[in-house]
Amino acid sequence: MSTSTGPSYYSDEEILKRLYAFLAERPLGRDAESEVRTLFGELASRIHDDPERWGLSSIPASFRDDAARDALVDLLAATDTIKGQRFVSDWFAATVEDRFRQLWSAQERAAMLKNHNGPDSGSRAPLDIDAAFDAPEGPWQRFEREFPRDASALKLRYQQGHTPDELEVMLDAPSASAVKTRLGRARSRFRMFVEQAGYDRREVSAILERFDEGADA
């Protein structure tokens, strides 16, 4: 049974601080190993039980476990970079998103190699911004299928012109700031699809101008 001084009463930041202190001491004694397992288990349980707070609810289910596992390993190794962060959960949410993108890109590259049918299979016409959005298998159409919530948020903001305050209600977001964070994530995810489609840096920038961040001001 937990006491008022047990891990379940620690803040996320206190748990991580204690883990870092133990992990800095090698080799660990038996008692220290037991404490590390207890602390790690408590932190992992919190992440599992509150996926919204830790950024996991926005990760596609097929990538969620791998992204969470990788981000947790990163968290335990981030002794220096975590310093100064107000909330461990915010750091983890940003890291799990980065890990998801890496996993997604690796899967896409593997699929492209598997489906490669010759030297002309990767060729495409010169830049056509409309085609990027309208082509049946263009980046936007694929993005809508795989990330409908993110695509919907971008449409509401940049095509229909709703303000962040209006989107706060429409998207059931906790704040206008959370809306801006969600829009930023959606833009970044759409960039993945555009880059994976083979557009160069100039073309990517031209396509993403439809979702210009200046519109958030």
C-alpha atoms as a PDB file:
ATOM      1  CA  MET A   1       0.000   0.000   0.000  1.00  0.00           C
ATOM      2  CA  SER A   2       1.372   3.402  -0.963  1.00  0.00           C
ATOM      3  CA  THR A   3       2.255   5.922   1.717  1.00  0.00           C
ATOM      4  CA  SER A   4       2.238   9.685   1.483  1.00  0.00           C
ATOM      5  CA  THR A   5       5.911   9.497   0.562  1.00  0.00           C
ATOM      6  CA  GLY A   6       5.544   6.764  -2.084  1.00  0.00           C
ATOM      7  CA  PRO A   7       6.075   7.201  -5.855  1.00  0.00           C
ATOM      8  CA  SER A   8       2.358   7.600  -6.512  1.00  0.00           C
ATOM      9  CA  TYR A   9       2.521  10.881  -4.581  1.00  0.00           C
ATOM     10  CA  TYR A  10       5.550  12.234  -6.450  1.00  0.00           C
ATOM     11  CA  SER A  11       5.212  14.702  -9.271  1.00  0.00           C
ATOM     12  CA  ASP A  12       6.366  13.549 -12.714  1.00  0.00           C
ATOM     13  CA  GLU A  13       9.357  15.818 -12.349  1.00  0.00           C
ATOM     14  CA  GLU A  14      10.274  14.363  -8.951  1.00  0.00           C
ATOM     15  CA  ILE A  15      10.078  10.816 -10.299  1.00  0.00           C
ATOM     16  CA  LEU A  16      12.405  11.715 -13.158  1.00  0.00           C
ATOM     17  CA  LYS A  17      14.787  13.544 -10.830  1.00  0.00           C
ATOM     18  CA  ARG A  18      15.029  10.465  -8.622  1.00  0.00           C
ATOM     19  CA  LEU A  19      15.508   8.168 -11.617  1.00  0.00           C
ATOM     20  CA  TYR A  20      18.341  10.340 -12.928  1.00  0.00           C
ATOM     21  CA  ALA A  21      20.017  10.262  -9.504  1.00  0.00           C
ATOM     22  CA  PHE A  22      19.854   6.465  -9.356  1.00  0.00           C
ATOM     23  CA  LEU A  23      20.948   5.963 -12.959  1.00  0.00           C
ATOM     24  CA  ALA A  24      23.971   8.206 -12.407  1.00  0.00           C
ATOM     25  CA  GLU A  25      25.251   5.653  -9.904  1.00  0.00           C
ATOM     26  CA  ARG A  26      26.685   2.505 -11.462  1.00  0.00           C
ATOM     27  CA  PRO A  27      26.549  -0.305 -10.636  1.00  0.00           C
ATOM     28  CA  LEU A  28      23.179  -0.222  -8.911  1.00  0.00           C
ATOM     29  CA  GLY A  29      22.691  -2.172  -5.709  1.00  0.00           C
ATOM     30  CA  ARG A  30      19.733  -4.497  -5.264  1.00  0.00           C
ATOM     31  CA  ASP A  31      17.720  -1.933  -3.305  1.00  0.00           C
ATOM     32  CA  ALA A  32      18.445   0.743  -5.908  1.00  0.00           C
ATOM     33  CA  GLU A  33      17.396  -1.577  -8.736  1.00  0.00           C
ATOM     34  CA  SER A  34      14.095  -2.236  -6.974  1.00  0.00           C
ATOM     35  CA  GLU A  35      13.507   1.498  -6.499  1.00  0.00           C
ATOM     36  CA  VAL A  36      14.313   2.227 -10.140  1.00  0.00           C
ATOM     37  CA  ARG A  37      11.822  -0.414 -11.280  1.00  0.00           C
ATOM     38  CA  THR A  38       9.170   1.065  -8.990  1.00  0.00           C
ATOM     39  CA  LEU A  39       9.760   4.614 -10.193  1.00  0.00           C
ATOM     40  CA  PHE A  40       9.919   3.573 -13.835  1.00  0.00           C
ATOM     41  CA  GLY A  41       6.723   1.551 -13.485  1.00  0.00           C
ATOM     42  CA  GLU A  42       4.908   4.505 -11.937  1.00  0.00           C
ATOM     43  CA  LEU A  43       6.009   6.838 -14.721  1.00  0.00           C
ATOM     44  CA  ALA A  44       5.105   4.328 -17.443  1.00  0.00           C
ATOM     45  CA  SER A  45       1.682   3.831 -15.858  1.00  0.00           C
ATOM     46  CA  ARG A  46       1.001   7.558 -15.877  1.00  0.00           C
ATOM     47  CA  ILE A  47       1.882   7.768 -19.550  1.00  0.00           C
ATOM     48  CA  HIS A  48      -0.327   4.785 -20.368  1.00  0.00           C
ATOM     49  CA  ASP A  49      -3.270   6.033 -18.289  1.00  0.00           C
ATOM     50  CA  ASP A  50      -3.324   9.597 -19.661  1.00  0.00           C
ATOM     51  CA  PRO A  51      -2.436   9.437 -23.393  1.00  0.00           C
ATOM     52  CA  GLU A  52      -3.903  12.889 -24.046  1.00  0.00           C
ATOM     53  CA  ARG A  53      -1.601  14.631 -21.582  1.00  0.00           C
ATOM     54  CA  TRP A  54       1.485  12.767 -22.769  1.00  0.00           C
ATOM     55  CA  GLY A  55       0.842  13.325 -26.483  1.00  0.00           C
ATOM     56  CA  LEU A  56      -0.001   9.724 -27.357  1.00  0.00           C
ATOM     57  CA  SER A  57      -3.660  10.188 -28.264  1.00  0.00           C
ATOM     58  CA  SER A  58      -2.660  12.016 -31.465  1.00  0.00           C
ATOM     59  CA  ILE A  59      -0.287   9.240 -32.594  1.00  0.00           C
ATOM     60  CA  PRO A  60      -1.802   6.640 -34.986  1.00  0.00           C
ATOM     61  CA  ALA A  61      -2.493   3.410 -33.103  1.00  0.00           C
ATOM     62  CA  SER A  62      -0.157   1.330 -35.276  1.00  0.00           C
ATOM     63  CA  PHE A  63       2.800   3.524 -34.262  1.00  0.00           C
ATOM     64  CA  ARG A  64       1.802   4.349 -30.695  1.00  0.00           C
ATOM     65  CA  ASP A  65       3.580   1.610 -28.743  1.00  0.00           C
ATOM     66  CA  ASP A  66       6.863   1.927 -30.637  1.00  0.00           C
ATOM     67  CA  ALA A  67       6.848   5.729 -30.478  1.00  0.00           C
ATOM     68  CA  ALA A  68       6.068   5.699 -26.747  1.00  0.00           C
ATOM     69  CA  ARG A  69       8.788   3.143 -26.044  1.00  0.00           C
ATOM     70  CA  ASP A  70      11.383   5.138 -27.993  1.00  0.00           C
ATOM     71  CA  ALA A  71      10.343   8.411 -26.357  1.00  0.00           C
ATOM     72  CA  LEU A  72      10.562   6.866 -22.884  1.00  0.00           C
ATOM     73  CA  VAL A  73      14.100   5.671 -23.602  1.00  0.00           C
ATOM     74  CA  ASP A  74      14.931   9.190 -24.816  1.00  0.00           C
ATOM     75  CA  LEU A  75      13.443  10.643 -21.644  1.00  0.00           C
ATOM     76  CA  LEU A  76      15.645   8.495 -19.424  1.00  0.00           C
ATOM     77  CA  ALA A  77      18.699   9.532 -21.438  1.00  0.00           C
ATOM     78  CA  ALA A  78      17.838  13.253 -21.514  1.00  0.00           C
ATOM     79  CA  THR A  79      19.565  14.247 -18.287  1.00  0.00           C
ATOM     80  CA  ASP A  80      20.863  17.517 -19.721  1.00  0.00           C
ATOM     81  CA  THR A  81      18.193  18.476 -22.254  1.00  0.00           C
ATOM     82  CA  ILE A  82      15.285  18.021 -19.831  1.00  0.00           C
ATOM     83  CA  LYS A  83      16.633  20.641 -17.446  1.00  0.00           C
ATOM     84  CA  GLY A  84      14.641  23.850 -17.466  1.00  0.00           C
ATOM     85  CA  GLN A  85      11.512  22.170 -18.808  1.00  0.00           C
ATOM     86  CA  ARG A  86       8.422  23.096 -16.825  1.00  0.00           C
ATOM     87  CA  PHE A  87       6.594  19.819 -17.388  1.00  0.00           C
ATOM     88  CA  VAL A  88       8.033  16.407 -18.191  1.00  0.00           C
ATOM     89  CA  SER A  89       4.812  15.551 -20.040  1.00  0.00           C
ATOM     90  CA  ASP A  90       5.324  18.445 -22.483  1.00  0.00           C
ATOM     91  CA  TRP A  91       8.856  17.267 -23.285  1.00  0.00           C
ATOM     92  CA  PHE A  92       7.615  13.717 -23.742  1.00  0.00           C
ATOM     93  CA  ALA A  93       4.735  14.808 -26.006  1.00  0.00           C
ATOM     94  CA  ALA A  94       7.116  16.660 -28.321  1.00  0.00           C
ATOM     95  CA  THR A  95       9.558  13.751 -28.353  1.00  0.00           C
ATOM     96  CA  VAL A  96       6.922  11.108 -29.027  1.00  0.00           C
ATOM     97  CA  GLU A  97       5.753  13.154 -32.022  1.00  0.00           C
ATOM     98  CA  ASP A  98       9.326  13.309 -33.352  1.00  0.00           C
ATOM     99  CA  ARG A  99       9.727   9.570 -32.861  1.00  0.00           C
ATOM    100  CA  PHE A 100       6.452   8.894 -34.657  1.00  0.00           C
ATOM    101  CA  ARG A 101       7.611  10.935 -37.665  1.00  0.00           C
ATOM    102  CA  GLN A 102      10.857   8.987 -37.818  1.00  0.00           C
ATOM    103  CA  LEU A 103       8.985   5.684 -37.701  1.00  0.00           C
ATOM    104  CA  TRP A 104       6.477   6.847 -40.301  1.00  0.00           C
ATOM    105  CA  SER A 105       9.192   8.076 -42.671  1.00  0.00           C
ATOM    106  CA  ALA A 106      11.116   4.809 -42.321  1.00  0.00           C
ATOM    107  CA  GLN A 107       7.964   2.839 -43.152  1.00  0.00           C
ATOM    108  CA  GLU A 108       7.246   5.037 -46.159  1.00  0.00           C
ATOM    109  CA  ARG A 109      10.791   4.654 -47.484  1.00  0.00           C
ATOM    110  CA  ALA A 110      10.564   0.881 -47.089  1.00  0.00           C
ATOM    111  CA  ALA A 111       7.254   0.830 -48.960  1.00  0.00           C
ATOM    112  CA  MET A 112       8.695   2.937 -51.775  1.00  0.00           C
ATOM    113  CA  LEU A 113      11.654   0.580 -52.164  1.00  0.00           C
ATOM    114  CA  LYS A 114       9.364  -2.432 -52.162  1.00  0.00           C
ATOM    115  CA  ASN A 115       7.149  -0.925 -54.854  1.00  0.00           C
ATOM    116  CA  HIS A 116      10.006   0.369 -57.001  1.00  0.00           C
ATOM    117  CA  ASN A 117       9.396  -0.733 -60.588  1.00  0.00           C
ATOM    118  CA  GLY A 118      12.265   0.740 -62.529  1.00  0.00           C
ATOM    119  CA  PRO A 119      14.260   3.907 -63.128  1.00  0.00           C
ATOM    120  CA  ASP A 120      11.206   5.951 -64.127  1.00  0.00           C
ATOM    121  CA  SER A 121       8.977   4.940 -61.218  1.00  0.00           C
ATOM    122  CA  GLY A 122       9.931   7.978 -59.162  1.00  0.00           C
ATOM    123  CA  SER A 123       9.568  10.536 -61.942  1.00  0.00           C
ATOM    124  CA  ARG A 124       6.849  13.150 -61.787  1.00  0.00           C
ATOM    125  CA  ALA A 125       5.727  16.283 -63.553  1.00  0.00           C
ATOM    126  CA  PRO A 126       7.142  19.700 -62.617  1.00  0.00           C
ATOM    127  CA  LEU A 127       5.641  21.479 -59.637  1.00  0.00           C
ATOM    128  CA  ASP A 128       1.867  21.779 -59.730  1.00  0.00           C
ATOM    129  CA  ILE A 129       0.516  23.046 -56.428  1.00  0.00           C
ATOM    130  CA  ASP A 130      -3.068  22.206 -57.323  1.00  0.00           C
ATOM    131  CA  ALA A 131      -2.063  18.628 -58.159  1.00  0.00           C
ATOM    132  CA  ALA A 132      -0.513  18.258 -54.714  1.00  0.00           C
ATOM    133  CA  PHE A 133      -3.993  18.841 -53.302  1.00  0.00           C
ATOM    134  CA  ASP A 134      -6.272  17.455 -56.015  1.00  0.00           C
ATOM    135  CA  ALA A 135      -4.524  14.354 -57.387  1.00  0.00           C
ATOM    136  CA  PRO A 136      -6.239  11.157 -56.100  1.00  0.00           C
ATOM    137  CA  GLU A 137      -2.957   9.840 -54.687  1.00  0.00           C
ATOM    138  CA  GLY A 138      -1.392  13.235 -54.046  1.00  0.00           C
ATOM    139  CA  PRO A 139      -0.005  14.182 -50.631  1.00  0.00           C
ATOM    140  CA  TRP A 140      -3.135  16.018 -49.476  1.00  0.00           C
ATOM    141  CA  GLN A 141      -5.535  13.228 -50.399  1.00  0.00           C
ATOM    142  CA  ARG A 142      -3.377  10.692 -48.555  1.00  0.00           C
ATOM    143  CA  PHE A 143      -3.056  13.051 -45.596  1.00  0.00           C
ATOM    144  CA  GLU A 144      -6.836  13.380 -45.378  1.00  0.00           C
ATOM    145  CA  ARG A 145      -7.218   9.618 -45.314  1.00  0.00           C
ATOM    146  CA  GLU A 146      -4.534   8.959 -42.719  1.00  0.00           C
ATOM    147  CA  PHE A 147      -4.920  12.067 -40.534  1.00  0.00           C
ATOM    148  CA  PRO A 148      -8.541  13.219 -40.938  1.00  0.00           C
ATOM    149  CA  ARG A 149      -8.570  15.238 -37.702  1.00  0.00           C
ATOM    150  CA  ASP A 150      -5.440  17.173 -38.623  1.00  0.00           C
ATOM    151  CA  ALA A 151      -6.686  17.751 -42.173  1.00  0.00           C
ATOM    152  CA  SER A 152     -10.027  18.970 -40.837  1.00  0.00           C
ATOM    153  CA  ALA A 153      -8.307  21.447 -38.492  1.00  0.00           C
ATOM    154  CA  LEU A 154      -6.271  22.866 -41.385  1.00  0.00           C
ATOM    155  CA  LYS A 155      -9.379  23.194 -43.541  1.00  0.00           C
ATOM    156  CA  LEU A 156     -11.333  24.975 -40.826  1.00  0.00           C
ATOM    157  CA  ARG A 157      -8.518  27.444 -40.176  1.00  0.00           C
ATOM    158  CA  TYR A 158      -7.015  28.133 -43.582  1.00  0.00           C
ATOM    159  CA  GLN A 159      -9.800  27.358 -46.057  1.00  0.00           C
ATOM    160  CA  GLN A 160     -12.815  28.461 -44.060  1.00  0.00           C
ATOM    161  CA  GLY A 161     -10.999  31.173 -42.115  1.00  0.00           C
ATOM    162  CA  HIS A 162     -12.129  30.372 -38.581  1.00  0.00           C
ATOM    163  CA  THR A 163     -10.129  32.070 -35.844  1.00  0.00           C
ATOM    164  CA  PRO A 164      -8.262  30.127 -33.120  1.00  0.00           C
ATOM    165  CA  ASP A 165     -10.923  31.293 -30.645  1.00  0.00           C
ATOM    166  CA  GLU A 166     -13.678  29.850 -32.841  1.00  0.00           C
ATOM    167  CA  LEU A 167     -11.719  26.642 -33.348  1.00  0.00           C
ATOM    168  CA  GLU A 168     -11.348  26.295 -29.591  1.00  0.00           C
ATOM    169  CA  VAL A 169     -15.082  25.572 -29.482  1.00  0.00           C
ATOM    170  CA  MET A 170     -15.335  23.701 -32.799  1.00  0.00           C
ATOM    171  CA  LEU A 171     -12.454  21.342 -31.982  1.00  0.00           C
ATOM    172  CA  ASP A 172     -13.316  21.044 -28.284  1.00  0.00           C
ATOM    173  CA  ALA A 173      -9.815  22.249 -27.419  1.00  0.00           C
ATOM    174  CA  PRO A 174      -8.893  23.379 -23.883  1.00  0.00           C
ATOM    175  CA  SER A 175      -7.605  26.778 -25.066  1.00  0.00           C
ATOM    176  CA  ALA A 176      -6.809  28.894 -28.126  1.00  0.00           C
ATOM    177  CA  SER A 177      -3.144  28.145 -27.423  1.00  0.00           C
ATOM    178  CA  ALA A 178      -3.875  24.422 -27.687  1.00  0.00           C
ATOM    179  CA  VAL A 179      -5.525  25.091 -31.059  1.00  0.00           C
ATOM    180  CA  LYS A 180      -2.376  26.780 -32.347  1.00  0.00           C
ATOM    181  CA  THR A 181      -0.288  23.863 -31.120  1.00  0.00           C
ATOM    182  CA  ARG A 182      -2.595  21.439 -32.922  1.00  0.00           C
ATOM    183  CA  LEU A 183      -2.436  23.479 -36.134  1.00  0.00           C
ATOM    184  CA  GLY A 184       1.349  23.539 -35.957  1.00  0.00           C
ATOM    185  CA  ARG A 185       1.451  19.779 -35.546  1.00  0.00           C
ATOM    186  CA  ALA A 186      -0.971  19.323 -38.463  1.00  0.00           C
ATOM    187  CA  ARG A 187       1.148  21.522 -40.743  1.00  0.00           C
ATOM    188  CA  SER A 188       4.256  19.614 -39.760  1.00  0.00           C
ATOM    189  CA  ARG A 189       2.595  16.272 -40.430  1.00  0.00           C
ATOM    190  CA  PHE A 190       1.365  17.404 -43.830  1.00  0.00           C
ATOM    191  CA  ARG A 191       4.936  18.464 -44.626  1.00  0.00           C
ATOM    192  CA  MET A 192       5.924  14.794 -44.115  1.00  0.00           C
ATOM    193  CA  PHE A 193       3.560  13.737 -46.876  1.00  0.00           C
ATOM    194  CA  VAL A 194       4.742  16.454 -49.264  1.00  0.00           C
ATOM    195  CA  GLU A 195       8.414  15.655 -48.698  1.00  0.00           C
ATOM    196  CA  GLN A 196       7.784  11.929 -49.047  1.00  0.00           C
ATOM    197  CA  ALA A 197       6.091  12.607 -52.404  1.00  0.00           C
ATOM    198  CA  GLY A 198       9.464  13.794 -53.717  1.00  0.00           C
ATOM    199  CA  TYR A 199       8.986  17.562 -53.894  1.00  0.00           C
ATOM    200  CA  ASP A 200      12.119  19.609 -53.337  1.00  0.00           C
ATOM    201  CA  ARG A 201      12.526  22.234 -50.625  1.00  0.00           C
ATOM    202  CA  ARG A 202      11.300  25.131 -52.777  1.00  0.00           C
ATOM    203  CA  GLU A 203       8.251  23.206 -53.872  1.00  0.00           C
ATOM    204  CA  VAL A 204       7.461  22.103 -50.324  1.00  0.00           C
ATOM    205  CA  SER A 205       7.541  25.729 -49.184  1.00  0.00           C
ATOM    206  CA  ALA A 206       5.263  26.780 -52.042  1.00  0.00           C
ATOM    207  CA  ILE A 207       2.719  24.069 -51.219  1.00  0.00           C
ATOM    208  CA  LEU A 208       2.726  24.835 -47.500  1.00  0.00           C
ATOM    209  CA  GLU A 209       2.067  28.520 -48.171  1.00  0.00           C
ATOM    210  CA  ARG A 210      -1.606  27.560 -48.214  1.00  0.00           C
ATOM    211  CA  PHE A 211      -1.219  27.018 -44.496  1.00  0.00           C
ATOM    212  CA  ASP A 212       0.944  30.047 -43.810  1.00  0.00           C
ATOM    213  CA  GLU A 213       1.604  30.494 -40.096  1.00  0.00           C
ATOM    214  CA  GLY A 214       1.055  34.224 -40.552  1.00  0.00           C
ATOM    215  CA  ALA A 215      -2.619  33.463 -40.691  1.00  0.00           C
ATOM    216  CA  ASP A 216      -2.469  32.534 -37.023  1.00  0.00           C
ATOM    217  CA  ALA A 217      -1.441  36.003 -35.973  1.00  0.00           C
END
